[in-house]
Amino acid sequence: MCDLLNVLGLETDQRGITFINGDLSAMPGLQPDLEHIFRDGDRVAFFHLRSMWPFQYRHGVSMVNEMHNALQKSDNMGIHHAYAIQDDQ
């Protein structure tokens, strides 16, 4: 993932929700997928930081191992009621 972001010229904190092959791999404030290794044919979807993801769809979502492990280690399991918006966006 890190190499792909470099080729695209995209800073990791400038991407919103990210999916790899339909599995959640990153979201604002949590990008544990930087070391994810792609295989031929993998599909990646990057969403804008201001894209919303309905709360109802977050529970039970399929995710890559890196994301699952990061959420298990987090205090809030990745659930935020609000995200801070930086002034320069």
N, C-alpha and C. Protein backbone atom coordinates (compact mmCIF):
# COMPACT_ATOMS: atom_id res chain seq x y z
N MET A 1 0.83 -1.19 0.00
CA MET A 1 0.00 0.00 0.00
C MET A 1 0.87 1.26 0.00
N CYS A 2 1.92 1.22 0.79
CA CYS A 2 2.80 2.39 0.87
C CYS A 2 3.36 2.74 -0.52
N ASP A 3 3.79 1.74 -1.26
CA ASP A 3 4.32 1.97 -2.61
C ASP A 3 3.25 2.55 -3.53
N LEU A 4 2.02 2.03 -3.45
CA LEU A 4 0.93 2.54 -4.28
C LEU A 4 0.65 4.00 -3.95
N LEU A 5 0.59 4.33 -2.68
CA LEU A 5 0.35 5.72 -2.29
C LEU A 5 1.45 6.64 -2.80
N ASN A 6 2.70 6.16 -2.76
CA ASN A 6 3.81 6.95 -3.28
C ASN A 6 3.67 7.19 -4.78
N VAL A 7 3.32 6.15 -5.53
CA VAL A 7 3.14 6.29 -6.98
C VAL A 7 2.02 7.28 -7.28
N LEU A 8 0.95 7.24 -6.51
CA LEU A 8 -0.18 8.15 -6.71
C LEU A 8 0.06 9.55 -6.16
N GLY A 9 1.13 9.72 -5.36
CA GLY A 9 1.41 11.01 -4.75
C GLY A 9 0.37 11.38 -3.70
N LEU A 10 -0.14 10.37 -3.00
CA LEU A 10 -1.19 10.56 -2.01
C LEU A 10 -0.66 10.26 -0.62
N GLU A 11 -0.72 11.25 0.26
CA GLU A 11 -0.33 11.04 1.65
C GLU A 11 -1.39 10.16 2.31
N THR A 12 -0.97 9.25 3.18
CA THR A 12 -1.92 8.33 3.79
C THR A 12 -3.01 9.04 4.58
N ASP A 13 -2.67 10.16 5.23
CA ASP A 13 -3.68 10.87 6.02
C ASP A 13 -4.62 11.72 5.17
N GLN A 14 -4.41 11.73 3.86
CA GLN A 14 -5.28 12.46 2.95
C GLN A 14 -6.33 11.56 2.29
N ARG A 15 -6.35 10.30 2.68
CA ARG A 15 -7.36 9.39 2.12
C ARG A 15 -8.38 9.08 3.20
N GLY A 16 -9.57 8.84 2.75
CA GLY A 16 -10.63 8.50 3.69
C GLY A 16 -10.73 6.99 3.83
N ILE A 17 -11.93 6.49 3.79
CA ILE A 17 -12.17 5.06 3.91
C ILE A 17 -11.54 4.37 2.71
N THR A 18 -10.86 3.26 2.97
CA THR A 18 -10.16 2.51 1.92
C THR A 18 -10.56 1.05 2.00
N PHE A 19 -10.79 0.47 0.83
CA PHE A 19 -11.12 -0.95 0.74
C PHE A 19 -10.12 -1.65 -0.17
N ILE A 20 -9.77 -2.88 0.19
CA ILE A 20 -8.96 -3.74 -0.67
C ILE A 20 -9.81 -4.98 -0.95
N ASN A 21 -10.13 -5.19 -2.20
CA ASN A 21 -10.98 -6.31 -2.61
C ASN A 21 -12.30 -6.35 -1.83
N GLY A 22 -12.84 -5.17 -1.55
CA GLY A 22 -14.11 -5.08 -0.85
C GLY A 22 -14.00 -5.17 0.66
N ASP A 23 -12.80 -5.36 1.19
CA ASP A 23 -12.59 -5.45 2.64
C ASP A 23 -12.03 -4.13 3.15
N LEU A 24 -12.58 -3.64 4.24
CA LEU A 24 -12.11 -2.40 4.84
C LEU A 24 -10.64 -2.53 5.22
N SER A 25 -9.83 -1.54 4.82
CA SER A 25 -8.40 -1.59 5.17
C SER A 25 -7.93 -0.35 5.90
N ALA A 26 -8.66 0.76 5.78
CA ALA A 26 -8.26 2.00 6.45
C ALA A 26 -9.46 2.93 6.55
N MET A 27 -9.37 3.85 7.50
CA MET A 27 -10.37 4.91 7.63
C MET A 27 -9.68 6.11 8.25
N PRO A 28 -10.32 7.28 8.23
CA PRO A 28 -9.64 8.46 8.77
C PRO A 28 -9.12 8.22 10.18
N GLY A 29 -7.86 8.54 10.37
CA GLY A 29 -7.24 8.39 11.68
C GLY A 29 -6.73 7.00 11.99
N LEU A 30 -6.96 6.04 11.09
CA LEU A 30 -6.51 4.67 11.31
C LEU A 30 -6.15 4.05 9.96
N GLN A 31 -4.85 4.00 9.66
CA GLN A 31 -4.38 3.43 8.39
C GLN A 31 -3.37 2.31 8.65
N PRO A 32 -3.84 1.17 9.14
CA PRO A 32 -2.94 0.07 9.46
C PRO A 32 -2.51 -0.75 8.25
N ASP A 33 -2.95 -0.36 7.07
CA ASP A 33 -2.70 -1.17 5.87
C ASP A 33 -1.46 -0.76 5.08
N LEU A 34 -0.63 0.11 5.63
CA LEU A 34 0.51 0.64 4.88
C LEU A 34 1.48 -0.45 4.44
N GLU A 35 1.59 -1.51 5.18
CA GLU A 35 2.51 -2.60 4.81
C GLU A 35 1.80 -3.73 4.07
N HIS A 36 0.51 -3.53 3.74
CA HIS A 36 -0.25 -4.58 3.04
C HIS A 36 0.40 -4.85 1.68
N ILE A 37 0.58 -6.11 1.37
CA ILE A 37 1.18 -6.51 0.09
C ILE A 37 0.08 -6.95 -0.86
N PHE A 38 0.06 -6.34 -2.04
CA PHE A 38 -0.95 -6.67 -3.04
C PHE A 38 -0.55 -7.87 -3.88
N ARG A 39 -1.56 -8.55 -4.38
CA ARG A 39 -1.37 -9.63 -5.34
C ARG A 39 -1.97 -9.19 -6.67
N ASP A 40 -1.54 -9.82 -7.75
CA ASP A 40 -2.10 -9.49 -9.07
C ASP A 40 -3.61 -9.59 -9.01
N GLY A 41 -4.27 -8.59 -9.56
CA GLY A 41 -5.72 -8.59 -9.62
C GLY A 41 -6.41 -7.96 -8.44
N ASP A 42 -5.67 -7.58 -7.39
CA ASP A 42 -6.30 -6.93 -6.24
C ASP A 42 -6.91 -5.59 -6.68
N ARG A 43 -8.02 -5.24 -6.06
CA ARG A 43 -8.71 -3.98 -6.34
C ARG A 43 -8.66 -3.10 -5.10
N VAL A 44 -8.39 -1.81 -5.31
CA VAL A 44 -8.30 -0.86 -4.21
C VAL A 44 -9.27 0.29 -4.48
N ALA A 45 -10.01 0.68 -3.45
CA ALA A 45 -10.93 1.82 -3.57
C ALA A 45 -10.59 2.83 -2.48
N PHE A 46 -10.27 4.05 -2.92
CA PHE A 46 -10.00 5.15 -2.00
C PHE A 46 -11.20 6.09 -2.03
N PHE A 47 -11.66 6.50 -0.86
CA PHE A 47 -12.74 7.47 -0.78
C PHE A 47 -12.22 8.77 -0.18
N HIS A 48 -12.83 9.86 -0.57
CA HIS A 48 -12.45 11.18 -0.08
C HIS A 48 -12.66 11.26 1.43
N LEU A 49 -11.87 12.08 2.08
CA LEU A 49 -11.99 12.26 3.53
C LEU A 49 -13.39 12.70 3.96
N ARG A 50 -14.08 13.40 3.11
CA ARG A 50 -15.42 13.88 3.48
C ARG A 50 -16.53 12.91 3.09
N SER A 51 -16.17 11.76 2.53
CA SER A 51 -17.18 10.76 2.21
C SER A 51 -17.70 10.14 3.49
N MET A 52 -18.98 10.01 3.56
CA MET A 52 -19.61 9.43 4.75
C MET A 52 -19.88 7.95 4.52
N TRP A 53 -19.86 7.21 5.58
CA TRP A 53 -20.15 5.79 5.54
C TRP A 53 -21.23 5.55 6.58
N PRO A 54 -22.44 5.21 6.17
CA PRO A 54 -23.53 5.06 7.14
C PRO A 54 -23.16 4.12 8.29
N PHE A 55 -23.43 4.56 9.50
CA PHE A 55 -23.08 3.83 10.71
C PHE A 55 -23.58 2.40 10.67
N GLN A 56 -24.78 2.19 10.14
CA GLN A 56 -25.39 0.86 10.15
C GLN A 56 -24.55 -0.17 9.40
N TYR A 57 -23.79 0.26 8.41
CA TYR A 57 -23.01 -0.67 7.60
C TYR A 57 -21.66 -1.01 8.21
N ARG A 58 -21.26 -0.33 9.26
CA ARG A 58 -19.94 -0.54 9.84
C ARG A 58 -19.86 -1.82 10.66
N HIS A 59 -20.95 -2.21 11.29
CA HIS A 59 -20.92 -3.38 12.15
C HIS A 59 -20.86 -4.65 11.31
N GLY A 60 -19.89 -5.50 11.59
CA GLY A 60 -19.75 -6.75 10.87
C GLY A 60 -19.11 -6.64 9.51
N VAL A 61 -18.53 -5.47 9.20
CA VAL A 61 -17.92 -5.29 7.89
C VAL A 61 -16.71 -6.22 7.75
N SER A 62 -16.53 -6.73 6.57
CA SER A 62 -15.36 -7.55 6.27
C SER A 62 -14.15 -6.62 6.18
N MET A 63 -13.02 -7.05 6.75
CA MET A 63 -11.83 -6.20 6.74
C MET A 63 -10.57 -7.03 6.58
N VAL A 64 -9.52 -6.36 6.11
CA VAL A 64 -8.22 -7.03 5.98
C VAL A 64 -7.67 -7.30 7.38
N ASN A 65 -6.76 -8.24 7.49
CA ASN A 65 -6.21 -8.63 8.80
C ASN A 65 -5.58 -7.46 9.54
N GLU A 66 -4.88 -6.58 8.82
CA GLU A 66 -4.22 -5.45 9.47
C GLU A 66 -5.25 -4.55 10.17
N MET A 67 -6.37 -4.34 9.51
CA MET A 67 -7.41 -3.49 10.09
C MET A 67 -8.07 -4.18 11.28
N HIS A 68 -8.36 -5.45 11.14
CA HIS A 68 -8.97 -6.20 12.24
C HIS A 68 -8.08 -6.15 13.48
N ASN A 69 -6.80 -6.39 13.30
CA ASN A 69 -5.87 -6.37 14.43
C ASN A 69 -5.77 -4.98 15.06
N ALA A 70 -5.74 -3.93 14.24
CA ALA A 70 -5.65 -2.57 14.76
C ALA A 70 -6.89 -2.21 15.56
N LEU A 71 -8.06 -2.60 15.09
CA LEU A 71 -9.29 -2.30 15.81
C LEU A 71 -9.36 -3.04 17.14
N GLN A 72 -8.87 -4.27 17.15
CA GLN A 72 -8.87 -5.03 18.39
C GLN A 72 -7.99 -4.39 19.45
N LYS A 73 -6.94 -3.71 19.02
CA LYS A 73 -6.01 -3.06 19.94
C LYS A 73 -6.44 -1.65 20.35
N SER A 74 -7.40 -1.07 19.63
CA SER A 74 -7.80 0.32 19.91
C SER A 74 -8.77 0.39 21.08
N ASP A 75 -8.77 1.53 21.73
CA ASP A 75 -9.65 1.75 22.89
C ASP A 75 -11.12 1.82 22.50
N ASN A 76 -11.40 2.40 21.32
CA ASN A 76 -12.79 2.64 20.94
C ASN A 76 -13.27 1.75 19.81
N MET A 77 -12.49 0.76 19.45
CA MET A 77 -12.83 -0.17 18.35
C MET A 77 -13.11 0.57 17.03
N GLY A 78 -12.53 1.76 16.88
CA GLY A 78 -12.66 2.53 15.65
C GLY A 78 -13.95 3.30 15.50
N ILE A 79 -14.76 3.33 16.54
CA ILE A 79 -16.03 4.05 16.45
C ILE A 79 -15.84 5.47 16.96
N HIS A 80 -16.15 6.42 16.09
CA HIS A 80 -16.08 7.85 16.42
C HIS A 80 -17.44 8.47 16.17
N HIS A 81 -17.81 9.41 17.00
CA HIS A 81 -19.06 10.13 16.75
C HIS A 81 -18.80 11.34 15.88
N ALA A 82 -17.57 11.82 15.87
CA ALA A 82 -17.21 12.97 15.07
C ALA A 82 -15.72 12.89 14.76
N TYR A 83 -15.35 13.42 13.61
CA TYR A 83 -13.95 13.48 13.22
C TYR A 83 -13.56 14.95 13.17
N ALA A 84 -12.34 15.25 13.60
CA ALA A 84 -11.84 16.62 13.54
C ALA A 84 -11.51 16.96 12.10
N ILE A 85 -11.93 18.10 11.64
CA ILE A 85 -11.63 18.59 10.30
C ILE A 85 -10.53 19.61 10.41
N GLN A 86 -9.47 19.42 9.64
CA GLN A 86 -8.37 20.37 9.66
C GLN A 86 -8.76 21.59 8.85
N ASP A 87 -8.27 22.75 9.25
CA ASP A 87 -8.63 24.00 8.59
C ASP A 87 -8.19 24.07 7.14
N ASP A 88 -7.14 23.35 6.76
CA ASP A 88 -6.62 23.45 5.41
C ASP A 88 -7.33 22.54 4.42
N GLN A 89 -8.40 21.90 4.80
CA GLN A 89 -9.12 21.02 3.87
C GLN A 89 -10.29 21.71 3.24
